[in-house]
Protein backbone atom coordinates (compact mmCIF):
# COMPACT_ATOMS: atom_id res chain seq x y z
CA MET A 1 0.00 0.00 0.00
CA LYS A 2 1.38 3.39 -1.00
CA HIS A 3 2.34 5.65 1.91
CA ARG A 4 0.24 8.81 2.22
CA PHE A 5 2.35 11.85 2.98
CA SER A 6 0.90 14.71 5.03
CA PRO A 7 2.35 17.78 6.81
CA GLY A 8 0.77 16.44 9.99
CA ARG A 9 2.77 13.20 9.95
CA PRO A 10 6.52 12.76 9.39
CA CYS A 11 7.97 10.15 7.06
CA PRO A 12 10.25 7.56 8.74
CA VAL A 13 13.67 7.56 7.11
CA GLU A 14 13.49 3.75 6.91
CA ILE A 15 10.90 3.87 4.14
CA VAL A 16 12.83 6.35 1.96
CA PRO A 17 13.65 4.38 -1.22
CA GLN A 18 16.45 6.72 -2.35
CA TRP A 19 17.63 10.30 -2.03
CA ASP A 20 16.56 12.11 -5.19
CA ILE A 21 18.20 15.35 -4.03
CA SER A 22 20.99 15.73 -1.48
CA THR A 23 21.91 19.09 0.00
CA ASP A 24 23.25 20.58 3.21
CA VAL A 25 20.38 22.93 4.02
CA ALA A 26 16.86 22.48 2.65
CA ILE A 27 14.67 25.58 2.93
CA VAL A 28 10.88 25.45 2.67
CA GLY A 29 9.61 28.71 1.18
CA PHE A 30 11.36 31.36 -0.91
CA GLY A 31 9.97 34.48 0.72
CA ALA A 32 11.73 37.01 2.96
CA ALA A 33 12.83 34.52 5.63
CA GLY A 34 13.74 31.82 3.12
CA SER A 35 15.80 34.17 0.97
CA CYS A 36 17.80 35.47 3.91
CA ALA A 37 18.25 32.00 5.39
CA ALA A 38 19.63 30.88 2.03
CA ILE A 39 22.02 33.84 1.79
CA GLU A 40 23.55 33.24 5.22
CA ALA A 41 23.76 29.46 4.80
CA LEU A 42 25.51 29.95 1.46
CA ASN A 43 27.89 32.51 2.96
CA ALA A 44 28.75 29.89 5.59
CA GLY A 45 29.75 27.45 2.84
CA ALA A 46 26.69 25.21 2.82
CA ALA A 47 24.93 23.83 -0.24
CA VAL A 48 21.36 25.16 -0.27
CA ASP A 49 18.19 23.99 -2.01
CA VAL A 50 15.01 26.06 -1.69
CA PHE A 51 11.57 24.54 -2.30
CA GLU A 52 8.79 26.96 -3.24
CA VAL A 53 5.20 25.92 -3.92
CA ALA A 54 4.60 28.93 -6.20
CA SER A 55 6.09 29.40 -9.65
CA ALA A 56 8.36 32.27 -8.51
CA PRO A 57 10.01 33.55 -5.33
CA GLY A 58 8.56 36.28 -3.14
CA GLY A 59 5.86 34.80 -0.94
CA SER A 60 3.54 37.09 0.97
CA ALA A 61 6.41 39.52 1.54
CA SER A 62 6.12 40.48 -2.13
CA LEU A 63 2.65 41.90 -1.39
CA SER A 64 3.90 44.10 1.45
CA GLY A 65 4.88 47.74 1.39
CA GLY A 66 8.55 46.81 1.53
CA GLU A 67 9.12 48.30 4.99
CA VAL A 68 11.56 47.03 7.59
CA TYR A 69 11.34 48.15 11.22
CA VAL A 70 14.87 48.98 12.32
CA GLY A 71 16.73 51.43 14.55
CA GLY A 72 18.75 51.49 17.74
CA SER A 73 22.53 51.90 18.08
CA GLY A 74 21.98 55.65 18.05
CA GLY A 75 20.01 55.38 14.83
CA THR A 76 20.43 53.98 11.35
CA GLU A 77 22.34 56.09 8.86
CA VAL A 78 19.01 57.39 7.54
CA GLN A 79 17.61 58.21 10.97
CA ARG A 80 20.73 60.13 11.95
CA GLU A 81 20.84 61.98 8.65
CA HIS A 82 17.39 63.41 9.39
CA GLY A 83 18.13 64.29 13.00
CA PHE A 84 16.56 61.34 14.78
CA GLU A 85 18.51 59.75 17.60
CA ASP A 86 17.39 56.21 18.38
CA GLN A 87 19.07 54.54 21.30
CA THR A 88 19.08 50.76 21.54
CA GLU A 89 17.29 50.86 24.90
CA ASP A 90 14.41 52.88 23.41
CA LEU A 91 14.03 50.38 20.57
CA ARG A 92 14.23 47.50 23.05
CA GLN A 93 11.62 49.02 25.34
CA TYR A 94 9.30 49.72 22.42
CA LEU A 95 9.61 46.15 21.13
CA MET A 96 8.97 44.75 24.59
CA MET A 97 5.72 46.70 24.72
CA ALA A 98 4.87 45.76 21.13
CA GLY A 99 5.40 42.07 21.91
CA GLY A 100 2.64 42.14 24.52
CA PRO A 101 2.28 39.69 27.40
CA THR A 102 4.52 37.05 25.83
CA ALA A 103 7.31 39.28 24.51
CA ASP A 104 10.57 37.35 24.04
CA ALA A 105 13.27 39.38 25.79
CA ASP A 106 16.18 37.36 24.38
CA ARG A 107 14.93 37.76 20.82
CA ILE A 108 14.25 41.46 21.34
CA ASP A 109 17.66 42.10 22.88
CA LEU A 110 19.42 40.53 19.90
CA TYR A 111 17.33 42.42 17.38
CA ALA A 112 17.62 45.77 19.16
CA GLU A 113 21.39 45.47 19.31
CA GLN A 114 21.80 44.50 15.66
CA ALA A 115 18.85 46.11 13.82
CA ALA A 116 20.83 49.08 12.52
CA ALA A 117 23.57 46.76 11.26
CA HIS A 118 20.89 44.56 9.71
CA PHE A 119 19.63 47.54 7.70
CA ASN A 120 23.16 47.97 6.33
CA TRP A 121 23.22 44.25 5.51
CA LEU A 122 20.01 44.55 3.50
CA ARG A 123 21.51 47.41 1.53
CA ALA A 124 24.60 45.31 0.89
CA GLN A 125 22.39 42.58 -0.63
CA GLY A 126 21.14 45.11 -3.17
CA VAL A 127 17.88 46.28 -1.55
CA PRO A 128 17.63 49.99 -2.51
CA PHE A 129 16.71 52.66 0.02
CA LYS A 130 16.62 56.27 -1.17
CA GLY A 131 17.42 57.71 2.26
CA SER A 132 14.78 60.48 2.37
CA TYR A 133 12.29 61.19 5.18
CA LEU A 134 8.52 61.39 4.73
CA PRO A 135 6.69 63.08 7.63
CA GLY A 136 3.04 62.48 8.40
CA LYS A 137 0.89 59.46 9.16
CA TRP A 138 0.87 56.67 6.56
CA ILE A 139 -0.46 53.16 6.21
CA GLU A 140 1.99 52.67 3.36
CA PRO A 141 3.83 55.45 1.50
CA THR A 142 3.10 55.86 -2.21
CA THR A 143 6.32 57.80 -2.71
CA ASP A 144 9.82 56.32 -2.96
CA ASP A 145 10.89 57.85 0.36
CA THR A 146 12.58 55.76 3.02
CA LEU A 147 11.94 56.84 6.59
CA ILE A 148 8.39 56.94 7.97
CA TRP A 149 6.52 56.72 11.26
CA SER A 150 5.13 53.22 10.87
CA GLY A 151 3.89 52.22 14.31
CA ASN A 152 2.82 53.37 17.76
CA GLU A 153 5.99 55.34 18.48
CA LYS A 154 4.30 58.71 19.09
CA ALA A 155 1.11 57.29 20.62
CA TRP A 156 0.30 56.56 24.24
CA PRO A 157 1.18 54.34 26.10
CA PHE A 158 4.27 53.57 23.99
CA SER A 159 5.49 57.18 23.87
CA ALA A 160 5.40 57.36 27.67
CA LYS A 161 8.03 54.64 28.06
CA ALA A 162 10.19 54.76 24.91
CA LYS A 163 11.52 57.91 23.24
CA PRO A 164 9.75 58.10 19.86
CA ALA A 165 11.64 57.77 16.60
CA PRO A 166 10.49 56.85 13.08
CA ARG A 167 11.72 53.33 12.36
CA GLY A 168 9.92 52.27 9.20
CA HIS A 169 12.54 52.01 6.42
CA THR A 170 10.84 51.55 3.05
CA VAL A 171 12.34 50.25 -0.17
CA GLU A 172 12.82 52.83 -2.95
CA PHE A 173 9.62 52.24 -4.90
CA GLU A 174 6.83 54.54 -6.09
CA GLY A 175 3.25 53.43 -5.52
CA TRP A 176 1.81 50.61 -3.45
CA GLY A 177 3.51 47.24 -3.07
CA GLY A 178 7.24 47.92 -2.72
CA GLY A 179 7.61 44.41 -1.30
CA GLN A 180 7.85 43.06 -4.83
CA LEU A 181 11.09 44.96 -5.49
CA PHE A 182 12.34 44.13 -1.99
CA MET A 183 11.89 40.41 -2.65
CA GLU A 184 13.30 40.55 -6.17
CA LYS A 185 16.59 41.83 -4.75
CA LEU A 186 16.84 39.29 -1.92
CA SER A 187 15.88 36.26 -4.01
CA GLU A 188 18.24 37.35 -6.79
CA ARG A 189 21.04 37.62 -4.25
CA ALA A 190 20.38 34.09 -2.96
CA LEU A 191 20.44 32.72 -6.50
CA GLU A 192 23.61 34.64 -7.37
CA LEU A 193 25.34 33.06 -4.38
CA GLY A 194 24.42 29.58 -5.59
CA ALA A 195 21.07 28.58 -4.12
CA THR A 196 19.22 25.96 -6.15
CA ALA A 197 15.55 26.93 -6.40
CA HIS A 198 12.80 24.39 -7.03
CA TYR A 199 9.53 26.07 -8.01
CA GLU A 200 6.06 24.53 -8.13
CA SER A 201 7.40 22.12 -5.54
CA ARG A 202 5.09 21.36 -2.64
CA VAL A 203 6.74 20.05 0.51
CA LEU A 204 4.55 17.25 1.83
CA CYS A 205 6.25 16.38 5.11
CA LEU A 206 9.48 16.09 7.07
CA ILE A 207 11.63 12.95 7.15
CA VAL A 208 12.84 11.81 10.58
CA ASP A 209 15.04 9.07 11.99
CA GLN A 210 14.21 6.83 14.94
CA GLU A 211 15.51 9.40 17.43
CA GLY A 212 13.25 12.08 16.00
CA ALA A 213 16.01 14.06 14.25
CA VAL A 214 14.93 15.73 11.02
CA LYS A 215 16.78 14.32 8.03
CA GLY A 216 15.00 15.80 5.04
CA LEU A 217 11.79 16.41 3.13
CA VAL A 218 9.28 14.69 0.90
CA VAL A 219 8.45 17.00 -2.00
CA ARG A 220 5.87 16.69 -4.77
CA ARG A 221 6.92 18.17 -8.11
CA GLU A 222 5.30 17.54 -11.48
CA GLY A 223 3.14 14.87 -9.91
CA LYS A 224 6.11 12.92 -8.54
CA GLU A 225 7.30 12.49 -4.99
CA LEU A 226 10.95 13.32 -4.42
CA PHE A 227 12.98 12.51 -1.32
CA VAL A 228 15.34 15.29 -0.25
CA GLN A 229 18.24 14.67 2.09
CA ALA A 230 19.21 17.66 4.24
CA ARG A 231 22.59 16.79 5.70
CA LYS A 232 22.72 19.75 8.07
CA GLY A 233 19.13 20.78 8.54
CA VAL A 234 15.74 21.92 7.31
CA VAL A 235 14.59 25.53 7.66
CA LEU A 236 10.82 26.07 7.63
CA CYS A 237 9.95 29.46 6.11
CA ALA A 238 6.53 28.58 4.75
CA GLY A 239 4.50 31.49 6.10
CA GLY A 240 1.58 31.60 8.52
CA PHE A 241 -1.88 30.04 8.32
CA ILE A 242 -4.32 32.81 7.38
CA ALA A 243 -5.14 30.99 4.11
CA ASN A 244 -6.17 27.83 5.99
CA ARG A 245 -9.72 28.58 7.10
CA GLY A 246 -9.89 25.45 9.23
CA MET A 247 -6.79 26.42 11.21
CA VAL A 248 -7.99 30.02 11.57
CA LYS A 249 -11.34 28.79 12.89
CA ARG A 250 -9.56 26.49 15.34
CA TYR A 251 -6.84 28.82 16.61
CA ALA A 252 -7.73 32.44 15.79
CA PRO A 253 -11.50 32.53 15.17
CA GLU A 254 -11.74 36.28 15.81
CA ALA A 255 -9.77 36.83 12.61
CA LEU A 256 -12.64 35.39 10.57
CA VAL A 257 -14.50 38.74 10.74
CA CYS A 258 -11.80 40.18 8.46
CA GLU A 259 -12.83 39.45 4.88
CA HIS A 260 -9.41 39.82 3.28
CA GLN A 261 -6.39 37.59 3.82
CA VAL A 262 -3.02 39.34 3.66
CA SER A 263 -1.33 36.48 1.86
CA ALA A 264 -0.06 35.44 -1.53
CA GLY A 265 -2.38 32.46 -1.09
CA ASN A 266 0.03 29.84 0.23
CA ASP A 267 -0.03 30.69 3.95
CA ASP A 268 -1.75 27.38 4.60
CA GLY A 269 -0.08 26.49 7.89
CA SER A 270 1.78 23.52 6.41
CA GLY A 271 5.13 24.63 7.85
CA ILE A 272 3.64 24.94 11.33
CA ARG A 273 1.93 21.57 10.97
CA MET A 274 5.19 19.93 9.89
CA GLY A 275 6.90 21.29 12.97
CA VAL A 276 4.13 20.09 15.25
CA SER A 277 4.29 16.65 13.60
CA VAL A 278 7.79 16.12 14.98
CA GLY A 279 7.05 17.41 18.47
CA ALA A 280 7.38 21.18 18.13
CA THR A 281 5.34 23.44 20.35
CA THR A 282 3.53 26.57 19.19
CA LEU A 283 3.06 30.02 20.66
CA ASN A 284 0.34 32.67 20.37
CA MET A 285 -1.71 30.84 17.76
CA GLN A 286 -4.70 33.00 18.71
CA GLU A 287 -2.95 36.23 17.70
CA PHE A 288 -3.42 38.02 14.39
CA PHE A 289 -2.80 41.34 12.69
CA ALA A 290 -5.92 43.20 11.65
CA THR A 291 -6.58 46.54 10.03
CA LEU A 292 -9.62 48.56 9.04
CA PRO A 293 -9.31 51.51 6.62
CA PHE A 294 -9.91 54.64 8.67
CA PHE A 295 -7.12 56.77 7.15
CA PRO A 296 -5.83 58.26 4.88
CA PRO A 297 -6.92 61.02 4.65
CA GLU A 298 -5.08 61.66 7.88
CA SER A 299 -7.67 64.28 8.87
CA LEU A 300 -9.88 61.37 9.96
CA VAL A 301 -7.41 60.62 12.76
CA LYS A 302 -8.78 63.75 14.43
CA GLY A 303 -12.20 62.10 14.68
CA ILE A 304 -13.26 59.97 17.63
CA PHE A 305 -14.41 56.36 17.74
CA ILE A 306 -17.45 55.49 19.85
CA ASN A 307 -19.38 52.27 20.50
CA GLU A 308 -23.11 51.58 20.93
CA ARG A 309 -22.86 52.91 24.50
CA SER A 310 -21.59 56.26 23.15
CA GLN A 311 -18.23 55.55 24.82
CA ARG A 312 -14.81 56.26 23.39
CA PHE A 313 -12.43 53.29 23.65
CA ILE A 314 -9.07 54.13 22.00
CA ASN A 315 -6.73 57.03 21.26
CA GLU A 316 -7.29 57.36 17.53
CA ASP A 317 -3.73 58.49 16.78
CA THR A 318 -2.33 55.06 17.56
CA TYR A 319 -1.36 52.51 14.87
CA HIS A 320 -4.23 51.52 12.57
CA GLY A 321 -3.88 47.84 13.48
CA ARG A 322 -4.18 48.59 17.18
CA VAL A 323 -7.28 50.69 16.49
CA ALA A 324 -8.74 47.81 14.45
CA HIS A 325 -8.42 45.33 17.32
CA TYR A 326 -10.26 47.70 19.66
CA VAL A 327 -12.97 48.34 17.07
CA LEU A 328 -13.47 44.63 16.38
CA ARG A 329 -14.14 43.75 20.00
CA GLN A 330 -16.75 46.41 20.77
CA PRO A 331 -20.13 45.19 22.06
CA ASN A 332 -22.23 43.62 19.31
CA GLY A 333 -19.58 44.55 16.74
CA ARG A 334 -20.86 48.13 16.56
CA ALA A 335 -18.60 51.21 16.34
CA TRP A 336 -18.57 54.52 14.49
CA LEU A 337 -16.02 57.22 13.71
CA LEU A 338 -17.42 60.67 14.48
CA VAL A 339 -16.25 63.62 12.37
CA ASP A 340 -17.23 67.20 11.72
CA ASN A 341 -17.22 69.07 8.42
CA ASP A 342 -13.65 70.34 8.89
CA ILE A 343 -12.12 66.85 8.92
CA PHE A 344 -14.65 64.82 6.95
CA GLY A 345 -13.34 62.57 4.20
CA ARG A 346 -13.89 59.11 2.84
CA PRO A 347 -11.14 56.59 3.59
CA PHE A 348 -9.02 56.21 0.46
CA LEU A 349 -8.97 52.42 0.89
CA GLN A 350 -12.77 52.14 1.20
CA PRO A 351 -14.39 55.25 -0.28
CA ASN A 352 -17.78 53.54 -0.33
CA ILE A 353 -17.87 53.26 3.46
CA THR A 354 -21.34 53.57 4.98
CA ILE A 355 -22.18 57.01 6.32
CA ALA A 356 -24.46 55.88 9.13
CA ALA A 357 -25.69 59.32 10.18
CA VAL A 358 -25.49 62.99 9.18
CA GLY A 359 -26.86 65.88 11.20
CA GLU A 360 -26.56 69.52 12.17
CA THR A 361 -26.26 68.61 15.85
CA TRP A 362 -24.79 65.72 17.79
CA GLU A 363 -28.27 65.03 19.14
CA GLU A 364 -29.40 64.32 15.58
CA ILE A 365 -26.50 61.89 15.09
CA GLU A 366 -27.42 60.24 18.38
CA THR A 367 -31.03 59.77 17.26
CA GLU A 368 -30.07 58.35 13.86
CA LEU A 369 -27.73 55.83 15.50
CA ALA A 370 -30.46 54.89 18.01
CA LEU A 371 -28.19 55.57 20.99
CA GLU A 372 -29.27 56.32 24.54
CA PRO A 373 -30.71 59.87 24.59
CA GLY A 374 -28.15 62.38 25.81
CA SER A 375 -25.27 59.88 25.82
CA LEU A 376 -23.51 60.82 22.58
CA ALA A 377 -23.81 64.56 23.11
CA ALA A 378 -22.32 64.14 26.58
CA THR A 379 -19.34 62.18 25.23
CA VAL A 380 -18.63 64.64 22.41
CA ASN A 381 -19.06 67.68 24.65
CA GLU A 382 -16.62 66.21 27.18
CA PHE A 383 -14.11 65.45 24.43
CA ASN A 384 -14.49 68.94 22.93
CA ARG A 385 -14.04 70.61 26.31
CA HIS A 386 -10.70 68.92 26.89
CA ALA A 387 -9.55 69.08 23.25
CA SER A 388 -10.04 72.84 23.21
CA GLN A 389 -7.45 72.94 26.00
CA GLY A 390 -5.08 70.58 24.14
CA ALA A 391 -5.76 67.68 26.47
CA ASP A 392 -7.22 64.16 26.38
CA PRO A 393 -7.09 62.94 29.99
CA TYR A 394 -8.98 59.70 29.30
CA PHE A 395 -7.11 58.32 26.29
CA HIS A 396 -4.03 60.57 25.97
CA LYS A 397 -4.41 61.34 22.29
CA SER A 398 -1.48 63.44 21.15
CA GLN A 399 -2.09 67.18 20.93
CA GLU A 400 -1.05 66.98 17.27
CA TRP A 401 -4.30 65.15 16.52
CA LEU A 402 -6.63 66.86 19.00
CA LYS A 403 -9.39 69.03 17.54
CA PRO A 404 -12.82 69.86 18.98
CA LEU A 405 -15.59 68.59 16.70
CA LEU A 406 -17.58 71.81 16.35
CA THR A 407 -18.28 72.50 12.66
CA PRO A 408 -21.56 71.12 11.28
CA PRO A 409 -22.70 69.11 9.52
CA PHE A 410 -21.53 66.19 11.62
CA ALA A 411 -21.29 62.59 10.48
CA ALA A 412 -20.78 59.05 11.76
CA LEU A 413 -18.82 56.65 9.55
CA SER A 414 -19.85 53.08 10.22
CA TYR A 415 -17.20 50.66 11.45
CA CYS A 416 -19.85 48.14 12.43
CA GLN A 417 -19.14 44.56 11.43
CA GLY A 418 -20.43 44.02 7.93
CA ASP A 419 -20.00 47.65 6.92
CA VAL A 420 -16.21 47.79 6.74
CA GLU A 421 -13.63 45.56 5.09
CA GLY A 422 -10.99 44.10 7.39
CA HIS A 423 -7.59 42.64 6.46
CA ALA A 424 -5.77 40.04 8.56
CA PHE A 425 -2.83 37.68 8.82
CA THR A 426 -1.74 35.35 11.61
CA LEU A 427 1.04 35.96 14.14
CA GLY A 428 1.29 32.63 15.96
CA GLY A 429 3.75 29.93 15.03
CA LEU A 430 6.44 27.50 16.11
CA ALA A 431 8.45 28.20 19.23
CA THR A 432 12.10 28.82 18.32
CA ARG A 433 15.29 30.11 19.83
CA PRO A 434 16.46 33.46 18.45
CA SER A 435 19.06 31.42 16.56
CA GLY A 436 16.30 29.53 14.76
CA GLU A 437 16.21 26.09 16.39
CA VAL A 438 12.65 24.78 16.69
CA LEU A 439 11.73 23.81 20.27
CA ASN A 440 9.64 21.00 21.68
CA ALA A 441 7.24 21.25 24.62
CA ASP A 442 10.16 20.92 27.05
CA GLY A 443 11.98 23.84 25.46
CA GLU A 444 14.60 21.58 23.90
CA PRO A 445 15.67 21.93 20.26
CA ILE A 446 14.52 19.36 17.70
CA THR A 447 17.68 18.16 15.97
CA GLY A 448 17.94 19.33 12.38
CA LEU A 449 14.89 21.64 12.39
CA TYR A 450 14.86 25.44 12.17
CA ALA A 451 12.17 28.00 11.40
CA ALA A 452 11.76 31.72 10.71
CA GLY A 453 9.24 34.20 9.34
CA ARG A 454 5.56 33.67 10.06
CA THR A 455 6.07 29.92 10.43
CA ALA A 456 7.76 30.86 13.71
CA CYS A 457 6.41 33.06 16.49
CA GLY A 458 8.82 35.99 16.21
CA LEU A 459 8.89 39.66 17.17
CA PRO A 460 5.38 40.40 15.84
CA ARG A 461 3.32 38.23 18.18
CA TRP A 462 0.59 40.53 19.54
CA GLY A 463 -1.99 42.12 17.28
CA GLU A 464 -2.40 45.20 19.47
CA GLY A 465 1.31 45.97 19.33
CA TYR A 466 2.07 45.43 15.66
CA SER A 467 3.93 48.05 13.61
CA SER A 468 4.37 48.12 9.84
CA GLY A 469 7.78 46.73 9.00
CA LEU A 470 7.98 44.35 11.96
CA SER A 471 7.24 41.28 9.82
CA LEU A 472 9.88 42.07 7.19
CA GLY A 473 12.37 43.07 9.87
CA ASP A 474 11.73 39.89 11.82
CA SER A 475 11.64 37.58 8.78
CA THR A 476 14.84 38.86 7.22
CA PHE A 477 16.83 39.14 10.46
CA PHE A 478 15.80 35.84 12.03
CA GLY A 479 15.85 34.11 8.65
CA ARG A 480 19.54 35.00 8.63
CA GLN A 481 20.01 33.52 12.11
CA ALA A 482 18.24 30.29 11.15
CA GLY A 483 20.22 29.89 7.94
CA ALA A 484 23.53 30.44 9.72
CA SER A 485 22.60 28.02 12.51
CA ALA A 486 21.54 25.30 10.08
CA ALA A 487 24.77 25.68 8.09
CA SER A 488 26.85 25.26 11.25
CA MET A 489 25.16 21.97 12.16
CA ASN A 490 27.46 18.96 12.07
CA SER A 491 26.15 16.59 9.40
């Protein structure tokens, strides 16, 4: 009877009929983490084969804005050029807050100490950064500028504990989707150094010996099953699991309210499942990134979010993903963004958003939204009273974004579930050391197995603390660590 191969069950090495491909380091996935793992393994002298299920490299990173979140060491060259000092301790403290309740201090310490040098490394691989600074509040810049404010740096409570600095460093690319250029450069570099790429090659499972050490992969290509020997190790860089509805329903069901998957389509959780099949443990599988389009235009940031109880619940100047998580968990999925005529605009990313109410007074808005009589007017009047004095004692919104809502007509933009389009990707994954070794439930490394990118639980592990650029920063940096570790393994 023919053996059925599945990511959820490893293949015993005893039943391998022959090694169709032999290499030192076998990498699953040719995205950001896989490219950088390949580069470092090759630089360490290892033979590298990369297996990619798609017909070209890039992965989900190719759909990103091409931003990396870096700083520290006094600032990157670009930060310093534009007058921003960024001490390592400030970056470390920010990342500890961004990591949430399960922040990995060892991982954060390593990244904070080496992030500025990592930016220089990316440049050395051919990734172009113009070096200019773009002020303002952006979801993703459409210009080819480099330095942007891409997270919660200037928003409370982060700004109260870590000196703010812009840390989003964006590839030199005009328009949306700079990740494509970013990935072209990294994958080209890996190929130039000698990586062998296998496209349209689906990895079916890991191969293990009797002691549980990982020895290779079973791969399906052109309808045939190939057995791949990895003399030094396997690096799983196969993305997250947002494209696997069953896994999302099981582990992160709250993400199902977001209609759009931020994925190239192959984030099916297979890398995570392969790790679990050989005893790996997972972390934060319930966590996900989410965003709802409430700016640009940035004038909308000066509005205030309220729920069906007419209560504010977030400082609106914080990162759009953090705002989204607060919006999504409001009672009965109901929330609105209140604006006056001075700041009104339709979100560029969803210009057809529902305008739930329009009125000459806040009492009219309150009536149209069927809220408790007097409740909305009281909330807005209280906000206006403090905003006129440049203060927000309840939510600490920065003075830069404080404006009393006084100019009629007034409006309520609906952020109720069903009225707004959400975007999501998963943040949970395999437990690893900062050096890439995959860990079992006892915290011990599984021999021959490494992981990075969204297959692993890395720096971005808490939806409320995410910043644009954290995924690419994490994937490229810790992909490098995993590749170097695998290459140093004694075969």
